[in-house]
Amino acid sequence: MAQQIMQREERSIGELFSELAGETSTLIRQEMALAQAEMTQKATKAGKNVGYLAVGGAIGYAGLLAIIAGVIMGLSYLMPAWIAALLVGIVIAISSYVMISSGLAALKKMDVKPTETVESIKEDAQWLKNQVT
């Protein structure tokens, strides 16, 4: 053990900087791998959510068309069919606007920044700073 300590003390500054450069290079590669993994995970999650939105929207659209037809037909007994269709269309347009707005707001709130990687890089920078000083 004492011999290893002596060997470390006897190394030249060039060897120390060479070792530091090698360790820094390894550290940067590891950080890049972490960032890539984290971004891939977040992209997969976002893609999955968008897929759910698309499939749910398609199924809902088919059901909505049937309901709309039924509502228009029912209202046509109380008023002219064109007025019934216009009223139903206005209600649907307003509902659609509210749903699209809330979906876009949820997507905008999604944090895509690789927070773990940023924190890890900050820690590594502090470690590197401590090693140099």
C-alpha atoms as a PDB file:
ATOM      1  CA  MET A   1       0.000   0.000   0.000  1.00  0.00           C
ATOM      2  CA  ALA A   2       2.760   2.423   0.949  1.00  0.00           C
ATOM      3  CA  GLN A   3       4.553   1.536  -2.270  1.00  0.00           C
ATOM      4  CA  GLN A   4       1.486   2.501  -4.341  1.00  0.00           C
ATOM      5  CA  ILE A   5       1.296   5.839  -2.557  1.00  0.00           C
ATOM      6  CA  MET A   6       4.983   6.423  -3.243  1.00  0.00           C
ATOM      7  CA  GLN A   7       4.495   5.524  -6.904  1.00  0.00           C
ATOM      8  CA  ARG A   8       1.648   8.026  -7.170  1.00  0.00           C
ATOM      9  CA  GLU A   9       3.742  10.726  -5.588  1.00  0.00           C
ATOM     10  CA  GLU A  10       6.611  10.001  -7.962  1.00  0.00           C
ATOM     11  CA  ARG A  11       4.565  10.387 -11.133  1.00  0.00           C
ATOM     12  CA  SER A  12       5.287  13.412 -13.250  1.00  0.00           C
ATOM     13  CA  ILE A  13       2.869  16.222 -13.926  1.00  0.00           C
ATOM     14  CA  GLY A  14       2.640  15.043 -17.527  1.00  0.00           C
ATOM     15  CA  GLU A  15       1.558  11.583 -16.397  1.00  0.00           C
ATOM     16  CA  LEU A  16      -1.004  13.084 -14.034  1.00  0.00           C
ATOM     17  CA  PHE A  17      -2.460  15.301 -16.761  1.00  0.00           C
ATOM     18  CA  SER A  18      -2.487  12.348 -19.149  1.00  0.00           C
ATOM     19  CA  GLU A  19      -4.394  10.286 -16.602  1.00  0.00           C
ATOM     20  CA  LEU A  20      -6.749  13.190 -15.939  1.00  0.00           C
ATOM     21  CA  ALA A  21      -7.387  13.589 -19.667  1.00  0.00           C
ATOM     22  CA  GLY A  22      -8.140   9.874 -19.998  1.00  0.00           C
ATOM     23  CA  GLU A  23     -10.519   9.901 -17.042  1.00  0.00           C
ATOM     24  CA  THR A  24     -12.193  13.066 -18.311  1.00  0.00           C
ATOM     25  CA  SER A  25     -12.672  11.497 -21.724  1.00  0.00           C
ATOM     26  CA  THR A  26     -14.231   8.400 -20.148  1.00  0.00           C
ATOM     27  CA  LEU A  27     -16.435  10.589 -17.992  1.00  0.00           C
ATOM     28  CA  ILE A  28     -17.659  12.593 -20.978  1.00  0.00           C
ATOM     29  CA  ARG A  29     -18.473   9.392 -22.900  1.00  0.00           C
ATOM     30  CA  GLN A  30     -20.422   8.095 -19.916  1.00  0.00           C
ATOM     31  CA  GLU A  31     -22.325  11.368 -19.591  1.00  0.00           C
ATOM     32  CA  MET A  32     -23.200  11.311 -23.283  1.00  0.00           C
ATOM     33  CA  ALA A  33     -24.452   7.733 -22.937  1.00  0.00           C
ATOM     34  CA  LEU A  34     -26.560   8.757 -19.939  1.00  0.00           C
ATOM     35  CA  ALA A  35     -28.003  11.734 -21.825  1.00  0.00           C
ATOM     36  CA  GLN A  36     -28.817   9.543 -24.823  1.00  0.00           C
ATOM     37  CA  ALA A  37     -30.517   6.925 -22.643  1.00  0.00           C
ATOM     38  CA  GLU A  38     -32.530   9.551 -20.784  1.00  0.00           C
ATOM     39  CA  MET A  39     -33.656  11.310 -23.977  1.00  0.00           C
ATOM     40  CA  THR A  40     -34.572   7.968 -25.575  1.00  0.00           C
ATOM     41  CA  GLN A  41     -36.676   7.108 -22.534  1.00  0.00           C
ATOM     42  CA  LYS A  42     -38.485  10.456 -22.643  1.00  0.00           C
ATOM     43  CA  ALA A  43     -39.030  10.259 -26.409  1.00  0.00           C
ATOM     44  CA  THR A  44     -40.459   6.751 -26.041  1.00  0.00           C
ATOM     45  CA  LYS A  45     -42.852   7.945 -23.354  1.00  0.00           C
ATOM     46  CA  ALA A  46     -43.953  10.936 -25.456  1.00  0.00           C
ATOM     47  CA  GLY A  47     -44.413   8.723 -28.530  1.00  0.00           C
ATOM     48  CA  LYS A  48     -46.501   6.268 -26.559  1.00  0.00           C
ATOM     49  CA  ASN A  49     -48.734   9.080 -25.274  1.00  0.00           C
ATOM     50  CA  VAL A  50     -49.163  10.506 -28.773  1.00  0.00           C
ATOM     51  CA  GLY A  51     -50.093   7.015 -29.997  1.00  0.00           C
ATOM     52  CA  TYR A  52     -52.751   6.741 -27.300  1.00  0.00           C
ATOM     53  CA  LEU A  53     -54.096  10.134 -28.363  1.00  0.00           C
ATOM     54  CA  ALA A  54     -54.297   9.065 -32.013  1.00  0.00           C
ATOM     55  CA  VAL A  55     -55.979   5.704 -31.405  1.00  0.00           C
ATOM     56  CA  GLY A  56     -58.358   7.127 -28.816  1.00  0.00           C
ATOM     57  CA  GLY A  57     -59.222   9.960 -31.162  1.00  0.00           C
ATOM     58  CA  ALA A  58     -60.010   7.613 -34.056  1.00  0.00           C
ATOM     59  CA  ILE A  59     -62.252   5.395 -31.934  1.00  0.00           C
ATOM     60  CA  GLY A  60     -63.922   8.370 -30.330  1.00  0.00           C
ATOM     61  CA  TYR A  61     -64.491   9.930 -33.735  1.00  0.00           C
ATOM     62  CA  ALA A  62     -66.462   6.904 -34.977  1.00  0.00           C
ATOM     63  CA  GLY A  63     -68.635   6.890 -31.859  1.00  0.00           C
ATOM     64  CA  LEU A  64     -69.070  10.628 -32.004  1.00  0.00           C
ATOM     65  CA  LEU A  65     -70.326  10.482 -35.585  1.00  0.00           C
ATOM     66  CA  ALA A  66     -73.028   7.990 -34.590  1.00  0.00           C
ATOM     67  CA  ILE A  67     -74.075  10.092 -31.604  1.00  0.00           C
ATOM     68  CA  ILE A  68     -74.143  13.251 -33.695  1.00  0.00           C
ATOM     69  CA  ALA A  69     -76.365  11.613 -36.273  1.00  0.00           C
ATOM     70  CA  GLY A  70     -78.741  10.478 -33.540  1.00  0.00           C
ATOM     71  CA  VAL A  71     -78.873  13.906 -31.898  1.00  0.00           C
ATOM     72  CA  ILE A  72     -79.503  15.658 -35.199  1.00  0.00           C
ATOM     73  CA  MET A  73     -82.244  13.167 -36.078  1.00  0.00           C
ATOM     74  CA  GLY A  74     -83.850  13.630 -32.651  1.00  0.00           C
ATOM     75  CA  LEU A  75     -83.716  17.416 -32.851  1.00  0.00           C
ATOM     76  CA  SER A  76     -85.135  17.369 -36.362  1.00  0.00           C
ATOM     77  CA  TYR A  77     -88.521  16.455 -34.807  1.00  0.00           C
ATOM     78  CA  LEU A  78     -88.469  19.763 -32.915  1.00  0.00           C
ATOM     79  CA  MET A  79     -86.997  22.067 -35.586  1.00  0.00           C
ATOM     80  CA  PRO A  80     -85.889  22.027 -39.205  1.00  0.00           C
ATOM     81  CA  ALA A  81     -83.079  19.511 -39.789  1.00  0.00           C
ATOM     82  CA  TRP A  82     -80.620  22.172 -40.986  1.00  0.00           C
ATOM     83  CA  ILE A  83     -80.992  24.164 -37.746  1.00  0.00           C
ATOM     84  CA  ALA A  84     -80.550  20.980 -35.688  1.00  0.00           C
ATOM     85  CA  ALA A  85     -77.375  20.131 -37.625  1.00  0.00           C
ATOM     86  CA  LEU A  86     -76.047  23.685 -37.201  1.00  0.00           C
ATOM     87  CA  LEU A  87     -76.629  23.717 -33.432  1.00  0.00           C
ATOM     88  CA  VAL A  88     -75.009  20.311 -32.964  1.00  0.00           C
ATOM     89  CA  GLY A  89     -72.068  21.374 -35.126  1.00  0.00           C
ATOM     90  CA  ILE A  90     -71.479  24.494 -33.008  1.00  0.00           C
ATOM     91  CA  VAL A  91     -71.539  22.511 -29.770  1.00  0.00           C
ATOM     92  CA  ILE A  92     -69.101  19.969 -31.230  1.00  0.00           C
ATOM     93  CA  ALA A  93     -66.743  22.689 -32.487  1.00  0.00           C
ATOM     94  CA  ILE A  94     -66.595  24.276 -29.020  1.00  0.00           C
ATOM     95  CA  SER A  95     -65.980  20.893 -27.374  1.00  0.00           C
ATOM     96  CA  SER A  96     -63.247  20.118 -29.877  1.00  0.00           C
ATOM     97  CA  TYR A  97     -61.486  23.406 -29.196  1.00  0.00           C
ATOM     98  CA  VAL A  98     -61.470  22.772 -25.436  1.00  0.00           C
ATOM     99  CA  MET A  99     -60.119  19.235 -25.824  1.00  0.00           C
ATOM    100  CA  ILE A 100     -57.369  20.198 -28.277  1.00  0.00           C
ATOM    101  CA  SER A 101     -56.306  23.123 -26.100  1.00  0.00           C
ATOM    102  CA  SER A 102     -56.006  20.953 -22.998  1.00  0.00           C
ATOM    103  CA  GLY A 103     -54.036  18.281 -24.891  1.00  0.00           C
ATOM    104  CA  LEU A 104     -51.573  20.822 -26.259  1.00  0.00           C
ATOM    105  CA  ALA A 105     -51.176  22.404 -22.825  1.00  0.00           C
ATOM    106  CA  ALA A 106     -50.327  18.990 -21.337  1.00  0.00           C
ATOM    107  CA  LEU A 107     -47.722  18.345 -24.041  1.00  0.00           C
ATOM    108  CA  LYS A 108     -46.167  21.783 -23.465  1.00  0.00           C
ATOM    109  CA  LYS A 109     -45.830  21.056 -19.745  1.00  0.00           C
ATOM    110  CA  MET A 110     -43.899  17.854 -20.415  1.00  0.00           C
ATOM    111  CA  ASP A 111     -40.283  18.213 -19.320  1.00  0.00           C
ATOM    112  CA  VAL A 112     -37.967  16.876 -22.027  1.00  0.00           C
ATOM    113  CA  LYS A 113     -34.758  18.243 -20.516  1.00  0.00           C
ATOM    114  CA  PRO A 114     -32.414  15.438 -19.359  1.00  0.00           C
ATOM    115  CA  THR A 115     -32.417  16.605 -15.734  1.00  0.00           C
ATOM    116  CA  GLU A 116     -30.472  13.645 -14.363  1.00  0.00           C
ATOM    117  CA  THR A 117     -27.716  14.171 -16.902  1.00  0.00           C
ATOM    118  CA  VAL A 118     -27.512  17.892 -16.185  1.00  0.00           C
ATOM    119  CA  GLU A 119     -27.170  17.223 -12.455  1.00  0.00           C
ATOM    120  CA  SER A 120     -24.564  14.540 -13.073  1.00  0.00           C
ATOM    121  CA  ILE A 121     -22.538  16.852 -15.312  1.00  0.00           C
ATOM    122  CA  LYS A 122     -22.623  19.548 -12.629  1.00  0.00           C
ATOM    123  CA  GLU A 123     -21.333  17.044 -10.079  1.00  0.00           C
ATOM    124  CA  ASP A 124     -18.621  15.893 -12.481  1.00  0.00           C
ATOM    125  CA  ALA A 125     -17.550  19.461 -13.160  1.00  0.00           C
ATOM    126  CA  GLN A 126     -17.255  20.089  -9.437  1.00  0.00           C
ATOM    127  CA  TRP A 127     -15.262  16.885  -9.004  1.00  0.00           C
ATOM    128  CA  LEU A 128     -12.956  17.831 -11.872  1.00  0.00           C
ATOM    129  CA  LYS A 129     -12.497  21.300 -10.412  1.00  0.00           C
ATOM    130  CA  ASN A 130     -11.545  19.759  -7.071  1.00  0.00           C
ATOM    131  CA  GLN A 131      -9.065  17.420  -8.789  1.00  0.00           C
ATOM    132  CA  VAL A 132      -7.296  20.241 -10.620  1.00  0.00           C
ATOM    133  CA  THR A 133      -6.990  22.533  -7.579  1.00  0.00           C
END
